[in-house]
Protein backbone atom coordinates (compact mmCIF):
# COMPACT_ATOMS: atom_id res chain seq x y z
CA MET A 1 -7.75 -17.94 -17.47
CA TYR A 2 -9.51 -17.10 -14.26
CA ALA A 3 -9.75 -13.43 -13.35
CA PRO A 4 -10.07 -13.27 -9.55
CA THR A 5 -11.98 -10.82 -7.41
CA PRO A 6 -10.31 -7.45 -6.78
CA ILE A 7 -9.20 -6.46 -3.31
CA GLN A 8 -8.33 -3.10 -1.87
CA THR A 9 -6.33 -2.44 1.23
CA GLY A 10 -4.61 0.50 2.82
CA MET A 11 -0.88 0.01 2.72
CA SER A 12 2.23 2.02 2.09
CA ALA A 13 4.95 0.72 -0.16
CA ARG A 14 7.65 2.41 1.84
CA ARG A 15 7.82 3.90 5.30
CA ASP A 16 4.69 3.31 7.32
CA THR A 17 3.21 6.80 7.58
CA SER A 18 -0.35 5.57 7.41
CA ASP A 19 -1.15 6.32 11.04
CA ALA A 20 0.91 9.50 11.30
CA PRO A 21 -0.93 12.81 11.76
CA VAL A 22 -0.69 15.15 8.76
CA ARG A 23 -0.29 18.91 9.11
CA VAL A 24 -0.33 21.26 6.13
CA THR A 25 2.43 23.78 6.61
CA GLY A 26 0.77 26.21 4.24
CA LEU A 27 1.18 27.63 0.78
CA SER A 28 4.46 29.33 0.03
CA GLN A 29 4.14 31.75 -2.84
CA THR A 30 7.92 31.92 -3.18
CA ALA A 31 8.53 31.55 -6.88
CA PRO A 32 11.71 30.73 -8.83
CA THR A 33 13.52 33.79 -10.04
CA ALA A 34 13.44 34.82 -13.69
CA GLU A 35 17.21 34.61 -13.93
CA PRO A 36 18.73 31.64 -15.75
CA SER A 37 20.77 29.34 -13.55
CA ARG A 38 24.42 30.19 -12.95
CA SER A 39 25.55 26.96 -14.57
CA VAL A 40 23.86 28.02 -17.85
CA LEU A 41 25.00 31.66 -17.98
CA PRO A 42 28.61 31.01 -19.13
CA TRP A 43 27.37 29.02 -22.10
CA ILE A 44 24.84 31.67 -23.04
CA LEU A 45 27.48 34.40 -22.90
CA ALA A 46 29.92 32.31 -24.92
CA GLY A 47 27.29 31.77 -27.59
CA MET A 48 26.58 35.47 -27.80
CA LEU A 49 30.28 36.25 -28.25
CA LEU A 50 30.60 33.71 -31.05
CA LEU A 51 27.62 35.17 -32.85
CA LEU A 52 29.01 38.69 -32.50
CA ALA A 53 32.43 37.59 -33.72
CA SER A 54 30.87 36.06 -36.82
CA GLY A 55 29.25 39.39 -37.74
CA MET A 56 25.74 38.28 -36.93
CA THR A 57 23.39 40.51 -35.01
CA VAL A 58 21.99 39.28 -31.76
CA PHE A 59 18.45 40.62 -31.52
CA ALA A 60 17.22 38.96 -28.37
CA LEU A 61 18.07 36.36 -25.80
CA VAL A 62 15.12 34.16 -24.92
CA VAL A 63 15.49 31.96 -21.87
CA HIS A 64 12.86 29.27 -21.33
CA GLN A 65 11.54 29.36 -17.83
CA GLU A 66 9.22 26.90 -16.07
CA PRO A 67 5.93 28.40 -14.91
CA VAL A 68 5.80 29.76 -11.41
CA VAL A 69 4.18 27.12 -9.17
CA PRO A 70 3.46 27.87 -5.50
CA LEU A 71 5.01 25.33 -3.16
CA LEU A 72 2.71 23.21 -1.01
CA ALA A 73 4.38 21.14 1.68
CA LEU A 74 2.80 18.53 3.96
CA THR A 75 4.36 17.94 7.35
CA VAL A 76 3.94 14.37 8.56
CA ASP A 77 4.14 14.26 12.33
CA TYR A 78 5.33 10.87 13.66
CA GLY A 79 5.24 12.00 17.27
CA GLU A 80 8.02 12.45 19.79
CA GLY A 81 9.52 15.27 17.75
CA GLU A 82 10.04 13.29 14.53
CA THR A 83 8.60 14.85 11.39
CA GLU A 84 9.01 14.59 7.64
CA VAL A 85 8.07 17.08 4.95
CA LEU A 86 6.51 15.81 1.74
CA THR A 87 6.57 18.21 -1.19
CA TYR A 88 5.52 17.73 -4.79
CA GLY A 89 6.38 14.41 -6.35
CA ALA A 90 5.51 10.71 -6.45
CA HIS A 91 5.10 9.24 -2.96
CA ALA A 92 4.24 5.57 -2.51
CA VAL A 93 2.58 6.37 0.81
CA PHE A 94 -0.34 7.81 -1.17
CA GLU A 95 -1.23 4.18 -1.99
CA SER A 96 -2.43 4.03 1.61
CA LYS A 97 -6.09 4.99 1.70
CA ALA A 98 -5.84 6.07 5.32
CA PHE A 99 -2.93 8.42 4.58
CA PHE A 100 -4.58 9.77 1.44
CA GLU A 101 -7.75 10.54 3.40
CA GLN A 102 -5.76 12.34 6.10
CA VAL A 103 -4.03 14.50 3.49
CA ARG A 104 -7.33 15.28 1.78
CA ALA A 105 -8.89 16.21 5.12
CA ALA A 106 -5.94 18.46 5.95
CA LEU A 107 -6.20 20.26 2.61
CA MET A 108 -9.94 20.70 3.08
CA GLN A 109 -9.43 22.07 6.58
CA GLU A 110 -7.04 24.64 5.13
CA GLU A 111 -9.69 25.41 2.47
CA THR A 112 -7.11 24.74 -0.20
CA THR A 113 -8.28 24.58 -3.80
CA PHE A 114 -7.04 21.24 -5.15
CA ILE A 115 -7.72 18.45 -7.63
CA GLU A 116 -8.25 14.90 -6.36
CA ALA A 117 -7.68 12.07 -8.84
CA ASP A 118 -8.83 8.83 -7.24
CA LEU A 119 -7.54 6.13 -9.58
CA SER A 120 -9.17 3.36 -7.55
CA GLU A 121 -12.68 4.83 -7.87
CA MET A 122 -11.75 6.32 -11.28
CA ARG A 123 -13.10 9.75 -10.30
CA VAL A 124 -11.64 13.24 -10.50
CA ARG A 125 -12.87 15.98 -8.16
CA LEU A 126 -12.13 19.68 -7.73
CA TYR A 127 -12.30 21.00 -4.16
CA GLU A 128 -12.79 24.65 -3.26
CA GLN A 129 -13.47 26.00 0.21
CA ASP A 130 -13.62 22.39 1.54
CA ARG A 131 -16.44 21.47 -0.89
CA VAL A 132 -16.53 19.42 -4.10
CA MET A 133 -17.16 21.96 -6.87
CA PHE A 134 -16.70 19.58 -9.81
CA GLU A 135 -16.67 15.80 -10.28
CA ALA A 136 -16.32 13.57 -13.32
CA PRO A 137 -15.40 9.98 -14.20
CA ILE A 138 -11.86 9.09 -15.26
CA LEU A 139 -12.02 7.20 -18.54
CA SER A 140 -8.50 5.77 -18.50
CA LYS A 141 -5.16 5.77 -16.71
CA GLY A 142 -1.76 4.18 -17.17
CA ARG A 143 -1.60 0.42 -16.98
CA LYS A 144 -0.44 -0.90 -13.59
CA GLY A 145 3.13 -2.16 -13.72
CA SER A 146 3.94 -0.49 -17.06
CA TRP A 147 6.38 2.37 -17.68
CA TRP A 148 3.30 4.57 -18.10
CA GLU A 149 1.69 3.67 -14.79
CA THR A 150 0.10 6.84 -13.40
CA PRO A 151 2.01 7.52 -10.16
CA ALA A 152 0.31 8.21 -6.83
CA GLY A 153 1.55 11.31 -5.12
CA LEU A 154 1.16 15.04 -4.53
CA TYR A 155 1.66 17.30 -7.53
CA ALA A 156 0.66 20.68 -8.91
CA VAL A 157 -0.64 21.88 -12.28
CA GLN A 158 2.58 22.95 -14.04
CA PHE A 159 1.02 24.43 -17.16
CA LYS A 160 -2.18 24.41 -19.17
CA ASN A 161 -2.71 24.11 -22.93
CA GLU A 162 -6.02 24.00 -24.73
CA ASN A 163 -4.67 21.53 -27.30
CA HIS A 164 -1.28 20.22 -26.29
CA PHE A 165 0.69 18.20 -28.86
CA SER A 166 2.35 15.14 -27.39
CA SER A 167 5.56 14.17 -29.16
CA PHE A 168 5.44 10.77 -27.46
CA GLY A 169 2.27 9.61 -29.17
CA ASN A 170 2.17 12.25 -31.93
CA VAL A 171 -1.32 13.15 -30.84
CA TYR A 172 -3.13 16.24 -29.68
CA GLN A 173 -4.46 16.26 -26.11
CA PRO A 174 -7.35 18.71 -25.69
CA TRP A 175 -7.66 20.69 -22.48
CA SER A 176 -4.30 19.52 -21.13
CA MET A 177 -3.20 20.18 -17.55
CA ALA A 178 0.35 18.92 -16.90
CA PHE A 179 1.02 17.79 -13.34
CA GLN A 180 4.17 15.59 -13.43
CA GLY A 181 6.64 15.47 -16.30
CA ASN A 182 4.84 13.71 -19.14
CA PHE A 183 1.68 13.08 -17.11
CA PHE A 184 -1.40 15.18 -17.82
CA ILE A 185 -5.07 15.42 -17.12
CA HIS A 186 -6.72 15.91 -20.51
CA GLY A 187 -9.60 15.08 -22.82
CA TRP A 188 -9.76 12.39 -25.51
CA PRO A 189 -6.58 12.54 -27.67
CA HIS A 190 -6.75 12.66 -31.45
CA TYR A 191 -4.30 12.29 -34.29
CA VAL A 192 -3.22 15.14 -36.57
CA ASP A 193 -6.01 14.29 -39.01
CA GLY A 194 -8.57 14.56 -36.22
CA THR A 195 -9.12 10.81 -35.75
CA PRO A 196 -9.68 9.95 -32.05
CA VAL A 197 -7.24 7.45 -30.56
CA PRO A 198 -8.68 3.97 -29.80
CA GLU A 199 -9.92 3.14 -26.30
CA GLY A 200 -6.87 1.01 -25.45
CA TYR A 201 -4.46 3.89 -26.15
CA SER A 202 -2.79 5.45 -23.12
CA GLY A 203 0.53 7.02 -22.24
CA GLY A 204 -0.24 7.11 -18.53
CA CYS A 205 -2.24 10.32 -18.41
CA ILE A 206 -5.56 10.77 -16.66
CA ARG A 207 -8.11 10.92 -19.46
CA LEU A 208 -11.51 12.56 -19.16
CA ALA A 209 -14.33 13.10 -21.60
CA ASP A 210 -13.71 16.25 -23.64
CA GLU A 211 -16.55 18.18 -22.02
CA ASP A 212 -15.38 17.22 -18.54
CA ALA A 213 -11.76 18.10 -19.30
CA GLU A 214 -12.86 21.49 -20.68
CA ALA A 215 -14.96 22.21 -17.61
CA LEU A 216 -12.11 21.33 -15.24
CA PHE A 217 -9.62 23.25 -17.37
CA ALA A 218 -11.71 26.40 -17.03
CA GLN A 219 -11.82 26.18 -13.23
CA VAL A 220 -8.21 25.48 -12.27
CA ALA A 221 -5.15 27.69 -12.32
CA VAL A 222 -1.50 26.87 -12.77
CA GLY A 223 -0.17 25.86 -9.35
CA THR A 224 -3.33 24.10 -8.22
CA PRO A 225 -2.29 21.04 -6.13
CA VAL A 226 -3.15 17.63 -7.61
CA LEU A 227 -3.61 14.77 -5.15
CA VAL A 228 -3.34 11.40 -6.96
CA TYR A 229 -4.37 8.25 -5.10
CA GLU A 230 -4.50 4.62 -6.11
CA SER A 231 -4.78 1.60 -3.89
CA ALA A 232 -1.78 -0.68 -3.98
CA TYR A 233 -4.26 -3.31 -5.17
CA ARG A 234 -5.72 -2.99 -8.63
CA VAL A 235 -9.07 -3.87 -10.06
CA ALA A 236 -9.41 -7.12 -11.97
CA GLY A 237 -12.26 -8.92 -13.69
CA ASN A 238 -14.72 -11.26 -12.06
CA GLY A 239 -15.26 -14.96 -12.59
CA GLY A 240 -13.21 -18.01 -11.74
CA PRO A 241 -13.35 -21.58 -10.55
CA PRO A 242 -15.84 -22.51 -7.82
CA PRO A 243 -14.40 -21.80 -4.37
CA PRO A 244 -13.56 -24.89 -2.34
CA VAL A 245 -15.91 -26.00 0.41
CA LEU A 246 -14.15 -26.01 3.78
CA ASP A 247 -15.10 -26.76 7.34
CA ALA A 248 -14.34 -23.16 8.23
CA GLU A 249 -16.39 -20.07 9.03
CA ALA A 250 -14.44 -17.73 6.74
CA TYR A 251 -11.38 -17.75 4.54
CA VAL A 252 -9.46 -15.72 1.94
CA VAL A 253 -6.82 -16.80 -0.56
CA ALA A 254 -5.03 -13.85 -2.17
CA ASP A 255 -2.06 -13.16 -4.41
CA LEU A 256 -0.09 -10.45 -2.61
CA ALA A 257 1.96 -9.71 -5.75
CA THR A 258 -1.04 -8.78 -7.91
CA GLY A 259 -3.50 -7.87 -5.20
CA LEU A 260 -6.15 -10.34 -6.29
CA ILE A 261 -8.39 -12.63 -4.30
CA LEU A 262 -8.25 -16.15 -5.72
CA ALA A 263 -10.95 -17.59 -3.48
CA HIS A 264 -12.95 -16.47 -0.46
CA THR A 265 -16.04 -16.98 1.66
CA GLU A 266 -17.51 -14.71 4.33
CA ARG A 267 -14.45 -12.47 4.28
CA ASP A 268 -16.34 -9.62 5.96
CA ALA A 269 -17.91 -11.77 8.69
CA ILE A 270 -16.72 -10.81 12.18
CA LYS A 271 -14.99 -13.70 13.96
CA PRO A 272 -12.77 -14.19 17.02
CA MET A 273 -9.18 -13.23 16.25
CA GLY A 274 -7.50 -15.84 18.45
CA SER A 275 -3.76 -16.37 18.07
CA LEU A 276 -3.57 -14.05 15.06
CA ALA A 277 -3.62 -11.21 17.59
CA THR A 278 0.06 -11.92 18.25
CA LEU A 279 0.86 -10.41 14.84
CA MET A 280 -0.75 -7.10 15.83
CA THR A 281 1.05 -7.22 19.17
CA ALA A 282 4.38 -7.75 17.42
CA LEU A 283 3.63 -4.97 14.96
CA VAL A 284 2.91 -2.43 17.69
CA ALA A 285 5.97 -3.59 19.65
CA ALA A 286 8.14 -3.10 16.55
CA ASP A 287 6.93 0.48 16.31
CA PHE A 288 7.10 1.51 19.97
CA VAL A 289 9.49 -0.75 21.92
CA ASN A 290 13.26 -0.39 22.05
CA PHE A 291 14.27 -3.96 21.29
CA ASP A 292 17.66 -3.41 22.91
CA ARG A 293 15.97 -2.76 26.22
CA THR A 294 16.63 -5.31 28.94
CA ILE A 295 13.44 -6.49 30.61
CA THR A 296 13.28 -7.99 34.08
CA VAL A 297 10.38 -10.38 34.35
CA THR A 298 7.87 -9.55 37.10
CA PRO A 299 4.94 -11.63 38.41
CA ALA A 300 2.55 -9.42 36.43
CA MET A 301 4.11 -10.70 33.19
CA LEU A 302 3.57 -14.38 33.94
CA ALA A 303 0.51 -16.08 32.47
CA SER A 304 -0.86 -19.46 31.48
CA THR A 305 0.60 -20.23 28.06
CA THR A 306 1.46 -22.95 25.57
CA VAL A 307 5.08 -23.43 26.63
CA PRO A 308 6.06 -21.67 29.91
CA ARG A 309 9.45 -19.99 29.47
CA LEU A 310 9.57 -16.91 31.68
CA TYR A 311 10.24 -16.79 35.40
CA GLU A 312 10.36 -14.01 37.98
CA GLY A 313 13.64 -12.11 37.96
CA GLN A 314 14.66 -13.38 34.51
CA GLN A 315 16.42 -10.77 32.36
CA LEU A 316 16.24 -10.74 28.59
CA SER A 317 16.03 -8.29 25.72
CA ALA A 318 12.66 -7.06 24.50
CA TYR A 319 13.55 -8.44 21.09
CA SER A 320 13.90 -11.94 22.49
CA LEU A 321 10.22 -11.94 23.42
CA LEU A 322 9.18 -11.90 19.77
CA PHE A 323 10.36 -15.51 19.28
CA PRO A 324 8.10 -17.26 21.79
CA LEU A 325 5.34 -14.78 20.96
CA LEU A 326 5.26 -15.47 17.24
CA ARG A 327 6.42 -19.09 17.10
CA GLU A 328 4.63 -20.51 20.13
CA GLY A 329 1.83 -17.98 20.71
CA SER A 330 3.26 -17.19 24.14
CA ALA A 331 0.89 -15.30 26.41
CA GLU A 332 3.83 -14.59 28.73
CA ALA A 333 5.83 -12.86 26.02
CA ALA A 334 2.78 -10.84 25.00
CA GLN A 335 2.09 -9.73 28.57
CA ALA A 336 5.73 -8.72 29.03
CA LEU A 337 5.69 -6.54 25.87
CA VAL A 338 2.39 -4.96 26.86
CA HIS A 339 3.82 -4.27 30.31
CA VAL A 340 6.76 -2.44 28.71
CA ILE A 341 4.46 -0.30 26.57
CA GLY A 342 1.82 0.19 29.24
CA ARG A 343 -1.54 -1.57 29.04
CA GLN A 344 -3.65 1.53 28.45
CA ARG A 345 -1.19 2.93 25.92
CA PHE A 346 -1.01 -0.43 24.17
CA GLY A 347 -4.78 -0.43 23.75
CA THR A 348 -4.67 3.01 22.19
CA LEU A 349 -1.74 2.18 19.91
CA VAL A 350 -3.15 -1.08 18.61
CA SER A 351 -6.51 0.57 17.95
CA ASN A 352 -4.81 3.40 16.06
CA LYS A 353 -2.78 0.92 14.07
CA ALA A 354 -5.85 -1.09 13.04
CA ASN A 355 -7.66 2.07 11.98
CA ALA A 356 -4.68 3.44 10.10
CA LEU A 357 -4.15 0.23 8.15
CA GLY A 358 -7.78 0.13 7.12
CA MET A 359 -8.97 -2.69 9.40
CA PRO A 360 -12.33 -1.28 10.56
CA HIS A 361 -13.69 -4.56 11.99
CA THR A 362 -10.65 -5.44 14.13
CA VAL A 363 -10.82 -4.91 17.89
CA LEU A 364 -7.98 -6.17 20.07
CA LYS A 365 -8.75 -6.50 23.76
CA ASP A 366 -6.05 -9.10 24.49
CA PRO A 367 -2.52 -9.33 23.04
CA VAL A 368 -2.87 -13.07 22.24
CA GLY A 369 -6.57 -13.10 21.36
CA ALA A 370 -7.78 -14.96 24.43
CA ASP A 371 -10.55 -12.42 25.08
CA ALA A 372 -13.78 -13.15 23.21
CA GLU A 373 -14.10 -9.46 22.37
CA THR A 374 -10.86 -9.58 20.32
CA ILE A 375 -12.41 -9.83 16.86
CA THR A 376 -11.54 -9.40 13.22
CA THR A 377 -12.52 -10.46 9.70
CA ALA A 378 -10.70 -12.42 7.03
CA GLY A 379 -10.66 -9.22 4.99
CA ASP A 380 -8.97 -7.30 7.78
CA MET A 381 -6.40 -10.08 8.15
CA LEU A 382 -5.68 -9.76 4.43
CA THR A 383 -4.95 -6.08 5.00
CA LEU A 384 -2.64 -6.92 7.90
CA ALA A 385 -0.82 -9.60 5.90
CA ALA A 386 -0.29 -7.26 2.96
CA HIS A 387 1.18 -4.62 5.28
CA LEU A 388 3.49 -7.11 6.99
CA HIS A 389 4.68 -8.54 3.68
CA GLN A 390 5.38 -5.12 2.19
CA ASN A 391 6.53 -3.06 5.16
CA ARG A 392 7.30 -5.31 8.15
CA SER A 393 8.73 -8.47 6.61
CA ALA A 394 11.07 -8.85 9.63
CA VAL A 395 8.01 -9.94 11.61
CA LEU A 396 7.37 -12.69 9.08
CA HIS A 397 11.04 -13.72 9.28
CA VAL A 398 10.60 -14.40 13.00
CA THR A 399 7.45 -16.44 12.40
CA ARG A 400 9.24 -18.79 10.05
CA GLY A 401 12.30 -19.23 12.24
CA ASP A 402 15.00 -17.69 10.09
CA PRO A 403 18.46 -17.40 11.64
CA ASP A 404 18.54 -13.99 13.22
CA MET A 405 20.79 -11.49 11.44
CA THR A 406 20.19 -8.47 13.67
CA ALA A 407 22.48 -6.90 16.24
CA TYR A 408 19.90 -7.36 19.00
CA SER A 409 20.77 -9.78 21.78
CA ILE A 410 18.63 -12.93 21.88
CA TYR A 411 17.93 -15.00 24.98
CA PRO A 412 18.92 -18.65 24.45
CA PHE A 413 15.54 -20.33 24.94
CA ASP A 414 15.70 -24.12 25.17
CA GLU A 415 14.18 -26.00 22.23
CA LEU A 416 12.04 -23.18 20.95
CA HIS A 417 9.17 -24.67 18.96
CA ASN A 418 7.67 -23.29 15.76
CA PHE A 419 3.99 -24.16 15.50
CA ASN A 420 3.63 -22.22 12.23
CA ILE A 421 5.49 -24.56 9.87
CA ASP A 422 3.74 -27.34 7.98
CA GLU A 423 6.40 -29.75 6.74
CA ASN A 424 4.01 -30.90 3.98
CA LEU A 425 3.91 -27.48 2.30
CA PRO A 426 7.12 -26.00 0.83
CA SER A 427 8.30 -22.38 0.50
CA PHE A 428 6.83 -20.97 3.71
CA VAL A 429 7.19 -17.17 3.78
CA GLY A 430 5.72 -16.51 7.19
CA GLY A 431 2.60 -16.32 9.31
CA VAL A 432 0.89 -17.64 12.40
CA VAL A 433 -1.09 -20.85 13.04
CA SER A 434 -3.45 -21.35 16.00
CA THR A 435 -1.80 -22.95 19.01
CA SER A 436 -3.19 -25.91 20.94
CA THR A 437 -4.60 -23.51 23.58
CA ASP A 438 -6.48 -21.47 20.95
CA PRO A 439 -9.92 -23.00 20.28
CA HIS A 440 -10.73 -20.78 17.31
CA GLY A 441 -8.89 -22.64 14.54
CA ASN A 442 -7.41 -19.59 12.86
CA VAL A 443 -4.43 -19.30 10.55
CA LEU A 444 -2.67 -16.58 8.52
CA VAL A 445 0.18 -17.91 6.40
CA ILE A 446 1.99 -16.94 3.21
CA TYR A 447 3.65 -19.37 0.79
CA HIS A 448 5.60 -18.78 -2.36
CA MET A 449 3.75 -20.56 -5.14
CA GLU A 450 4.03 -20.81 -8.90
CA ILE A 451 1.22 -18.88 -10.59
CA TYR A 452 1.19 -19.45 -14.34
CA GLY A 453 4.96 -19.86 -14.40
CA GLU A 454 5.81 -17.01 -12.00
CA ILE A 455 6.57 -17.22 -8.27
CA HIS A 456 4.06 -15.21 -6.24
CA PRO A 457 3.43 -14.78 -2.48
CA ILE A 458 0.06 -16.41 -1.84
CA LEU A 459 -1.79 -15.63 1.38
CA PHE A 460 -4.10 -18.07 3.15
CA VAL A 461 -6.36 -16.74 5.93
CA VAL A 462 -8.72 -19.20 7.61
CA LEU A 463 -10.99 -18.36 10.54
CA GLY A 464 -13.04 -20.77 12.63
CA ALA A 465 -11.79 -24.03 11.09
CA GLU A 466 -12.20 -27.42 12.70
CA ASP A 467 -8.65 -28.17 11.49
CA ALA A 468 -6.90 -25.01 10.32
CA VAL A 469 -3.81 -26.80 9.04
CA ASP A 470 -5.87 -29.18 6.92
CA ALA A 471 -7.89 -26.24 5.61
CA VAL A 472 -4.72 -24.53 4.38
CA ARG A 473 -3.59 -27.73 2.69
CA THR A 474 -6.92 -27.91 0.86
CA LEU A 475 -6.65 -24.29 -0.29
CA HIS A 476 -3.00 -24.78 -1.27
CA ALA A 477 -4.04 -27.71 -3.49
CA TYR A 478 -6.82 -25.56 -4.96
CA VAL A 479 -4.32 -22.89 -6.06
CA ARG A 480 -2.01 -25.52 -7.55
CA ARG A 481 -4.92 -27.01 -9.49
CA TYR A 482 -6.46 -23.88 -10.95
CA TYR A 483 -3.55 -21.44 -11.31
CA SER A 484 -0.78 -23.57 -12.73
CA ILE A 485 0.64 -23.43 -16.24
CA GLU A 486 -1.24 -26.64 -16.99
CA SER A 487 -4.57 -25.07 -16.08
CA ARG A 488 -3.80 -22.02 -18.19
CA ASP A 489 -2.91 -24.14 -21.20
CA ALA A 490 -6.25 -25.90 -20.82
CA GLU A 491 -8.07 -22.60 -21.25
CA SER A 492 -9.22 -21.06 -24.52
CA PRO A 493 -6.78 -19.12 -26.78
CA GLN A 494 -8.48 -15.91 -25.72
CA ALA A 495 -7.78 -16.65 -22.06
CA GLN A 496 -4.19 -17.56 -22.87
CA SER A 497 -3.57 -14.10 -24.33
CA SER A 498 -3.25 -12.59 -20.85
CA GLU A 499 0.24 -12.73 -19.43
CA ARG A 500 -0.52 -13.59 -15.80
CA VAL A 501 -3.27 -14.14 -13.32
CA GLY A 502 -5.68 -11.26 -12.95
CA TYR A 503 -4.23 -9.21 -15.78
CA VAL A 504 -6.64 -6.52 -16.89
CA ASP A 505 -6.04 -3.84 -19.49
CA GLU A 506 -6.57 -0.75 -17.36
CA GLU A 507 -5.88 1.72 -20.12
């Protein structure tokens, strides 16, 4: 079975906080009281009375109490008065590298002592006074997708134990630092007889070498924040079938379900963005435009475009503009949306969005990509597609022409075309294909495809193709040939032991 190349992108699995400023509200030393909860007291008292009535002596009442852990809260500022407070717990937004880096920078600025566990780089670091005071490799973590997957988030060291006994695995965990329920940072576990566990053993904890775990254990206190990060895309093995030869300058084929590149060439080469810029324009509009707003078309909004649809004095909802923008690559619709936002503000917002999503090579000077300085890479377009698929799927719905199910009013355009759909390829999820006025031959499309018996969203990004549609057909056929059940069954028994494409034992 072919193990494709790993990819990493910045994306959040829930609300898009990746470009939101982070402010640390500070450390609250307010601790839980030593009193048992009111709901427990009646039962404790009743038990004491029963014991007394039976003639037994009550010597002491011992109430288990969780260790005192200072509260660290992060305030996420969305702008315009909207904020959200993130406290300790698992937060999918920490799968976004951009957000994780903002939180780390905020903690360093506050000179907070904290542990960073980067599960993508497999490194653990201890920060004090905004400096790294200790660093060591992580030897194992919980397998991605399993019940024991180590969760990304913000936590705190709940308690420490030099040799904690885990009832789950019936093993001892040296130099244990608990940070979330049954999840610990610890050394190499061993059985009661002292035998070390095998390398493949893992219950989801962050495992270090014994000497590293001991060194970290000695330097951290209960209550120390623990910042756990892992990219939404996991690492897989290398190797695979030879990539297809295309008449294109760059391309990427990726499985958005597993986060694995199936084929690519020149994915970091900077190329003109062309019509794919409409996706970024739509994304910014979705964040900052009131789609219920009625827009009156002015001469400044009119432009040469594929299918002219706007005229001076026309009134339509902002939402309506998404349809010609994303289905026909309409320069008019793009100009109208930019006019609503403000051209200078739009430039700032789209730049911030690209940076926040982790698209360092993308520069958007024109909302439909007509400017030669509007550039990107196939890798950046992969990042954008992953974000749209996970967080802004409504944009993809518009690109594929789904019947609209929103409450927004829609202008009744006559015979609206959809240049994105290829009738020869089934199960189109969404995306954008270069229009006839775009000379760059670019395409970003997602199709549902069967990968070793499972349906996965497969992304095709092609830049600078002589015939972008034909290029996608070639790549589509490539995936069918090499990642079908038939191709798996043709592999060796060892290859067949993996359950699905790109599976790697990460324990």
